[in-house]
Amino acid sequence: MEAEAWRSVDIIRDTDGVPHVLQQKVQVFTSGVSEESAGYTKPAMEHRLVPLQDLTTFGRS
């Protein structure tokens, strides 16, 4: 069984000082027996920057 996910790699500040999370796409491979079975991930070459505020709810009212 195969799926895709994003793994957070680092936190980077843009030119305005706003923190963004650098994420790398990974392919997730499982044994197929159950969702909790041991598996492995394989990194892909695709990356993205996501504003930290979009990933957290800390400080929001």
Protein backbone atom coordinates (compact mmCIF):
# COMPACT_ATOMS: atom_id res chain seq x y z
CA MET A 1 0.00 0.00 0.00
CA GLU A 2 1.30 3.48 -0.88
CA ALA A 3 0.34 7.01 0.18
CA GLU A 4 1.82 10.50 0.10
CA ALA A 5 2.56 12.79 3.03
CA TRP A 6 4.59 15.90 3.87
CA ARG A 7 7.45 15.83 6.40
CA SER A 8 8.56 19.05 8.11
CA VAL A 9 12.27 19.58 7.59
CA ASP A 10 13.18 23.04 8.92
CA ILE A 11 11.82 26.44 9.90
CA ILE A 12 12.88 29.34 7.70
CA ARG A 13 12.14 33.06 8.07
CA ASP A 14 11.31 35.04 4.94
CA THR A 15 12.71 38.53 4.24
CA ASP A 16 10.03 40.05 6.49
CA GLY A 17 10.95 37.75 9.38
CA VAL A 18 7.78 35.63 9.11
CA PRO A 19 8.51 31.96 9.96
CA HIS A 20 7.71 29.31 7.34
CA VAL A 21 8.08 25.54 7.54
CA LEU A 22 10.08 23.84 4.80
CA GLN A 23 8.37 20.53 4.02
CA GLN A 24 9.42 17.63 1.82
CA LYS A 25 6.99 15.26 0.15
CA VAL A 26 7.48 11.60 1.05
CA GLN A 27 5.95 8.41 -0.26
CA VAL A 28 4.70 6.18 2.54
CA PHE A 29 4.84 2.43 2.03
CA THR A 30 3.11 0.05 4.44
CA SER A 31 3.00 -3.71 4.59
CA GLY A 32 -0.71 -3.67 3.81
CA VAL A 33 -1.63 -5.85 6.79
CA SER A 34 -3.02 -2.98 8.86
CA GLU A 35 -2.71 0.79 9.14
CA GLU A 36 -0.47 0.34 12.20
CA SER A 37 1.95 -2.07 10.52
CA ALA A 38 5.59 -1.14 10.16
CA GLY A 39 6.48 0.47 6.89
CA TYR A 40 8.93 2.98 5.45
CA THR A 41 9.05 6.36 3.74
CA LYS A 42 10.90 7.41 0.62
CA PRO A 43 11.70 11.11 0.16
CA ALA A 44 10.62 12.81 -3.07
CA MET A 45 12.28 15.80 -4.71
CA GLU A 46 9.23 18.04 -4.18
CA HIS A 47 9.39 20.71 -1.45
CA ARG A 48 7.10 23.49 -0.27
CA LEU A 49 7.12 26.41 2.16
CA VAL A 50 4.10 26.72 4.43
CA PRO A 51 3.54 29.67 6.78
CA LEU A 52 4.00 28.43 10.35
CA GLN A 53 0.77 30.18 11.33
CA ASP A 54 -1.15 27.92 8.90
CA LEU A 55 0.12 24.80 10.70
CA THR A 56 -0.45 25.89 14.29
CA THR A 57 -3.34 27.27 16.29
CA PHE A 58 -1.19 28.75 19.08
CA GLY A 59 -2.05 32.39 19.70
CA ARG A 60 -5.22 32.43 17.61
CA SER A 61 -8.43 33.66 19.17
